């Protein structure tokens, strides 16, 4: 049993996956902070145009 626990704690593949996940989260967070206002404007404009297109299609 102790050998299995030691082997589990020494395993590094899962740690690597966790590190990549944390790195992706940090990059995504930085992107939201840095480009947040531009992204909000982009999606607001996109939503407005899609709404207008759908409204015109069903009018």
PDB file of N, CA and C in Angstrom:
ATOM      1  N   UNK A   1       0.829  -1.198   0.000  1.00  0.00           N
ATOM      2  CA  UNK A   1       0.000   0.000   0.000  1.00  0.00           C
ATOM      3  C   UNK A   1       0.872   1.261   0.000  1.00  0.00           C
ATOM      4  N   UNK A   2       1.904   1.269   0.833  1.00  0.00           N
ATOM      5  CA  UNK A   2       2.797   2.432   0.884  1.00  0.00           C
ATOM      6  C   UNK A   2       3.498   2.644  -0.454  1.00  0.00           C
ATOM      7  N   UNK A   3       3.850   1.552  -1.133  1.00  0.00           N
ATOM      8  CA  UNK A   3       4.520   1.673  -2.425  1.00  0.00           C
ATOM      9  C   UNK A   3       3.597   2.328  -3.444  1.00  0.00           C
ATOM     10  N   UNK A   4       2.313   2.002  -3.405  1.00  0.00           N
ATOM     11  CA  UNK A   4       1.357   2.612  -4.329  1.00  0.00           C
ATOM     12  C   UNK A   4       1.202   4.102  -4.050  1.00  0.00           C
ATOM     13  N   UNK A   5       1.170   4.478  -2.786  1.00  0.00           N
ATOM     14  CA  UNK A   5       1.047   5.888  -2.418  1.00  0.00           C
ATOM     15  C   UNK A   5       2.293   6.651  -2.857  1.00  0.00           C
ATOM     16  N   UNK A   6       3.477   6.077  -2.619  1.00  0.00           N
ATOM     17  CA  UNK A   6       4.720   6.727  -3.042  1.00  0.00           C
ATOM     18  C   UNK A   6       4.766   6.885  -4.558  1.00  0.00           C
ATOM     19  N   UNK A   7       4.336   5.851  -5.276  1.00  0.00           N
ATOM     20  CA  UNK A   7       4.329   5.916  -6.732  1.00  0.00           C
ATOM     21  C   UNK A   7       3.347   6.992  -7.221  1.00  0.00           C
ATOM     22  N   UNK A   8       2.209   7.087  -6.558  1.00  0.00           N
ATOM     23  CA  UNK A   8       1.222   8.106  -6.923  1.00  0.00           C
ATOM     24  C   UNK A   8       1.770   9.511  -6.683  1.00  0.00           C
ATOM     25  N   UNK A   9       2.443   9.724  -5.561  1.00  0.00           N
ATOM     26  CA  UNK A   9       2.992  11.036  -5.247  1.00  0.00           C
ATOM     27  C   UNK A   9       4.170  11.399  -6.153  1.00  0.00           C
ATOM     28  N   UNK A  10       4.879  10.394  -6.639  1.00  0.00           N
ATOM     29  CA  UNK A  10       6.022  10.645  -7.517  1.00  0.00           C
ATOM     30  C   UNK A  10       5.593  10.842  -8.969  1.00  0.00           C
ATOM     31  N   UNK A  11       4.378  10.471  -9.308  1.00  0.00           N
ATOM     32  CA  UNK A  11       3.887  10.593 -10.677  1.00  0.00           C
ATOM     33  C   UNK A  11       3.835  12.067 -11.071  1.00  0.00           C
ATOM     34  N   UNK A  12       4.371  12.405 -12.236  1.00  0.00           N
ATOM     35  CA  UNK A  12       4.441  13.803 -12.661  1.00  0.00           C
ATOM     36  C   UNK A  12       3.555  14.116 -13.859  1.00  0.00           C
ATOM     37  N   UNK A  13       2.967  13.143 -14.501  1.00  0.00           N
ATOM     38  CA  UNK A  13       2.139  13.406 -15.674  1.00  0.00           C
ATOM     39  C   UNK A  13       0.907  14.223 -15.317  1.00  0.00           C
ATOM     40  N   UNK A  14       0.261  13.891 -14.238  1.00  0.00           N
ATOM     41  CA  UNK A  14      -0.907  14.639 -13.805  1.00  0.00           C
ATOM     42  C   UNK A  14      -0.549  16.059 -13.405  1.00  0.00           C
ATOM     43  N   UNK A  15       0.616  16.233 -12.816  1.00  0.00           N
ATOM     44  CA  UNK A  15       1.067  17.558 -12.424  1.00  0.00           C
ATOM     45  C   UNK A  15       1.262  18.421 -13.670  1.00  0.00           C
ATOM     46  N   UNK A  16       1.813  17.838 -14.718  1.00  0.00           N
ATOM     47  CA  UNK A  16       2.020  18.584 -15.953  1.00  0.00           C
ATOM     48  C   UNK A  16       0.685  19.049 -16.523  1.00  0.00           C
ATOM     49  N   UNK A  17      -0.300  18.185 -16.533  1.00  0.00           N
ATOM     50  CA  UNK A  17      -1.622  18.551 -17.028  1.00  0.00           C
ATOM     51  C   UNK A  17      -2.216  19.667 -16.171  1.00  0.00           C
ATOM     52  N   UNK A  18      -2.031  19.585 -14.886  1.00  0.00           N
ATOM     53  CA  UNK A  18      -2.525  20.619 -13.981  1.00  0.00           C
ATOM     54  C   UNK A  18      -1.822  21.941 -14.254  1.00  0.00           C
ATOM     55  N   UNK A  19      -0.519  21.891 -14.495  1.00  0.00           N
ATOM     56  CA  UNK A  19       0.224  23.118 -14.801  1.00  0.00           C
ATOM     57  C   UNK A  19      -0.280  23.760 -16.089  1.00  0.00           C
ATOM     58  N   UNK A  20      -0.532  22.950 -17.111  1.00  0.00           N
ATOM     59  CA  UNK A  20      -1.066  23.492 -18.361  1.00  0.00           C
ATOM     60  C   UNK A  20      -2.452  24.112 -18.143  1.00  0.00           C
ATOM     61  N   UNK A  21      -3.254  23.479 -17.326  1.00  0.00           N
ATOM     62  CA  UNK A  21      -4.575  24.018 -17.021  1.00  0.00           C
ATOM     63  C   UNK A  21      -4.489  25.353 -16.296  1.00  0.00           C
ATOM     64  N   UNK A  22      -3.603  25.440 -15.329  1.00  0.00           N
ATOM     65  CA  UNK A  22      -3.417  26.703 -14.611  1.00  0.00           C
ATOM     66  C   UNK A  22      -2.871  27.788 -15.533  1.00  0.00           C
ATOM     67  N   UNK A  23      -1.942  27.426 -16.406  1.00  0.00           N
ATOM     68  CA  UNK A  23      -1.398  28.386 -17.358  1.00  0.00           C
ATOM     69  C   UNK A  23      -2.495  28.900 -18.292  1.00  0.00           C
ATOM     70  N   UNK A  24      -3.338  28.004 -18.774  1.00  0.00           N
ATOM     71  CA  UNK A  24      -4.444  28.414 -19.646  1.00  0.00           C
ATOM     72  C   UNK A  24      -5.399  29.349 -18.904  1.00  0.00           C
ATOM     73  N   UNK A  25      -5.664  29.072 -17.639  1.00  0.00           N
ATOM     74  CA  UNK A  25      -6.548  29.930 -16.854  1.00  0.00           C
ATOM     75  C   UNK A  25      -5.947  31.312 -16.657  1.00  0.00           C
ATOM     76  N   UNK A  26      -4.643  31.380 -16.406  1.00  0.00           N
ATOM     77  CA  UNK A  26      -3.979  32.667 -16.224  1.00  0.00           C
ATOM     78  C   UNK A  26      -3.995  33.468 -17.524  1.00  0.00           C
ATOM     79  N   UNK A  27      -3.712  32.795 -18.641  1.00  0.00           N
ATOM     80  CA  UNK A  27      -3.726  33.478 -19.936  1.00  0.00           C
ATOM     81  C   UNK A  27      -5.136  33.983 -20.255  1.00  0.00           C
ATOM     82  N   UNK A  28      -6.148  33.165 -20.010  1.00  0.00           N
ATOM     83  CA  UNK A  28      -7.526  33.579 -20.262  1.00  0.00           C
ATOM     84  C   UNK A  28      -7.913  34.758 -19.371  1.00  0.00           C
ATOM     85  N   UNK A  29      -7.510  34.720 -18.116  1.00  0.00           N
ATOM     86  CA  UNK A  29      -7.795  35.828 -17.209  1.00  0.00           C
ATOM     87  C   UNK A  29      -7.116  37.112 -17.643  1.00  0.00           C
ATOM     88  N   UNK A  30      -5.861  37.001 -18.062  1.00  0.00           N
ATOM     89  CA  UNK A  30      -5.134  38.183 -18.538  1.00  0.00           C
ATOM     90  C   UNK A  30      -5.782  38.737 -19.801  1.00  0.00           C
ATOM     91  N   UNK A  31      -6.217  37.864 -20.672  1.00  0.00           N
ATOM     92  CA  UNK A  31      -6.869  38.299 -21.904  1.00  0.00           C
ATOM     93  C   UNK A  31      -8.158  39.058 -21.598  1.00  0.00           C
ATOM     94  N   UNK A  32      -8.923  38.575 -20.650  1.00  0.00           N
ATOM     95  CA  UNK A  32     -10.170  39.245 -20.274  1.00  0.00           C
ATOM     96  C   UNK A  32      -9.875  40.608 -19.656  1.00  0.00           C
ATOM     97  N   UNK A  33      -8.841  40.681 -18.817  1.00  0.00           N
ATOM     98  CA  UNK A  33      -8.510  41.952 -18.174  1.00  0.00           C
ATOM     99  C   UNK A  33      -7.980  42.951 -19.194  1.00  0.00           C
ATOM    100  N   UNK A  34      -7.100  42.496 -20.074  1.00  0.00           N
ATOM    101  CA  UNK A  34      -6.464  43.398 -21.032  1.00  0.00           C
ATOM    102  C   UNK A  34      -7.421  43.790 -22.152  1.00  0.00           C
ATOM    103  N   UNK A  35      -8.105  42.814 -22.720  1.00  0.00           N
ATOM    104  CA  UNK A  35      -8.949  43.069 -23.883  1.00  0.00           C
ATOM    105  C   UNK A  35     -10.435  43.082 -23.535  1.00  0.00           C
ATOM    106  N   UNK A  36     -10.771  43.163 -22.272  1.00  0.00           N
ATOM    107  CA  UNK A  36     -12.159  43.117 -21.834  1.00  0.00           C
ATOM    108  C   UNK A  36     -13.069  44.132 -22.495  1.00  0.00           C
ATOM    109  N   UNK A  37     -12.717  45.420 -22.442  1.00  0.00           N
ATOM    110  CA  UNK A  37     -13.599  46.422 -23.064  1.00  0.00           C
ATOM    111  C   UNK A  37     -13.758  46.216 -24.571  1.00  0.00           C
ATOM    112  N   UNK A  38     -12.684  45.858 -25.252  1.00  0.00           N
ATOM    113  CA  UNK A  38     -12.774  45.634 -26.703  1.00  0.00           C
ATOM    114  C   UNK A  38     -13.651  44.421 -26.998  1.00  0.00           C
ATOM    115  N   UNK A  39     -13.517  43.368 -26.197  1.00  0.00           N
ATOM    116  CA  UNK A  39     -14.350  42.179 -26.394  1.00  0.00           C
ATOM    117  C   UNK A  39     -15.815  42.498 -26.126  1.00  0.00           C
ATOM    118  N   UNK A  40     -16.063  43.296 -25.110  1.00  0.00           N
ATOM    119  CA  UNK A  40     -17.451  43.659 -24.795  1.00  0.00           C
ATOM    120  C   UNK A  40     -18.065  44.441 -25.949  1.00  0.00           C
ATOM    121  N   UNK A  41     -17.312  45.380 -26.495  1.00  0.00           N
ATOM    122  CA  UNK A  41     -17.795  46.158 -27.641  1.00  0.00           C
ATOM    123  C   UNK A  41     -18.051  45.260 -28.839  1.00  0.00           C
ATOM    124  N   UNK A  42     -17.120  44.346 -29.098  1.00  0.00           N
ATOM    125  CA  UNK A  42     -17.267  43.424 -30.227  1.00  0.00           C
ATOM    126  C   UNK A  42     -18.536  42.593 -30.101  1.00  0.00           C
ATOM    127  N   UNK A  43     -18.742  41.984 -28.945  1.00  0.00           N
ATOM    128  CA  UNK A  43     -19.903  41.116 -28.775  1.00  0.00           C
ATOM    129  C   UNK A  43     -21.204  41.905 -28.715  1.00  0.00           C
ATOM    130  N   UNK A  44     -21.176  43.119 -28.182  1.00  0.00           N
ATOM    131  CA  UNK A  44     -22.365  43.961 -28.186  1.00  0.00           C
ATOM    132  C   UNK A  44     -22.760  44.313 -29.616  1.00  0.00           C
ATOM    133  N   UNK A  45     -21.769  44.698 -30.428  1.00  0.00           N
ATOM    134  CA  UNK A  45     -22.032  45.018 -31.829  1.00  0.00           C
ATOM    135  C   UNK A  45     -22.542  43.794 -32.577  1.00  0.00           C
ATOM    136  N   UNK A  46     -21.913  42.663 -32.342  1.00  0.00           N
ATOM    137  CA  UNK A  46     -22.327  41.420 -32.987  1.00  0.00           C
ATOM    138  C   UNK A  46     -23.766  41.073 -32.619  1.00  0.00           C
ATOM    139  N   UNK A  47     -24.102  41.168 -31.347  1.00  0.00           N
ATOM    140  CA  UNK A  47     -25.451  40.855 -30.889  1.00  0.00           C
ATOM    141  C   UNK A  47     -26.473  41.812 -31.513  1.00  0.00           C
ATOM    142  N   UNK A  48     -26.125  43.091 -31.572  1.00  0.00           N
ATOM    143  CA  UNK A  48     -27.028  44.084 -32.160  1.00  0.00           C
ATOM    144  C   UNK A  48     -27.285  43.778 -33.633  1.00  0.00           C
ATOM    145  N   UNK A  49     -26.217  43.451 -34.367  1.00  0.00           N
ATOM    146  CA  UNK A  49     -26.372  43.160 -35.789  1.00  0.00           C
ATOM    147  C   UNK A  49     -27.157  41.871 -36.022  1.00  0.00           C
ATOM    148  N   UNK A  50     -26.903  40.853 -35.208  1.00  0.00           N
ATOM    149  CA  UNK A  50     -27.659  39.602 -35.337  1.00  0.00           C
ATOM    150  C   UNK A  50     -29.133  39.814 -35.003  1.00  0.00           C
ATOM    151  N   UNK A  51     -29.397  40.585 -33.976  1.00  0.00           N
ATOM    152  CA  UNK A  51     -30.782  40.879 -33.613  1.00  0.00           C
ATOM    153  C   UNK A  51     -31.491  41.607 -34.753  1.00  0.00           C
ATOM    154  N   UNK A  52     -30.819  42.589 -35.344  1.00  0.00           N
ATOM    155  CA  UNK A  52     -31.398  43.326 -36.468  1.00  0.00           C
ATOM    156  C   UNK A  52     -31.634  42.399 -37.662  1.00  0.00           C
ATOM    157  N   UNK A  53     -30.707  41.491 -37.933  1.00  0.00           N
ATOM    158  CA  UNK A  53     -30.856  40.584 -39.060  1.00  0.00           C
ATOM    159  C   UNK A  53     -32.010  39.612 -38.841  1.00  0.00           C
ATOM    160  N   UNK A  54     -32.146  39.089 -37.648  1.00  0.00           N
ATOM    161  CA  UNK A  54     -33.239  38.164 -37.347  1.00  0.00           C
ATOM    162  C   UNK A  54     -34.574  38.896 -37.385  1.00  0.00           C
ATOM    163  N   UNK A  55     -34.607  40.088 -36.839  1.00  0.00           N
ATOM    164  CA  UNK A  55     -35.842  40.886 -36.857  1.00  0.00           C
ATOM    165  C   UNK A  55     -36.253  41.188 -38.301  1.00  0.00           C
ATOM    166  N   UNK A  56     -35.299  41.557 -39.137  1.00  0.00           N
ATOM    167  CA  UNK A  56     -35.604  41.856 -40.541  1.00  0.00           C
ATOM    168  C   UNK A  56     -36.047  40.605 -41.282  1.00  0.00           C
ATOM    169  N   UNK A  57     -35.495  39.456 -40.939  1.00  0.00           N
ATOM    170  CA  UNK A  57     -35.845  38.222 -41.619  1.00  0.00           C
ATOM    171  C   UNK A  57     -37.266  37.786 -41.304  1.00  0.00           C
ATOM    172  N   UNK A  58     -37.739  38.069 -40.105  1.00  0.00           N
ATOM    173  CA  UNK A  58     -39.074  37.642 -39.702  1.00  0.00           C
ATOM    174  C   UNK A  58     -40.098  38.755 -39.753  1.00  0.00           C
ATOM    175  N   UNK A  59     -39.721  39.904 -40.259  1.00  0.00           N
ATOM    176  CA  UNK A  59     -40.665  41.031 -40.324  1.00  0.00           C
ATOM    177  C   UNK A  59     -41.481  40.983 -41.590  1.00  0.00           C
TER     178      UNK A  59
END
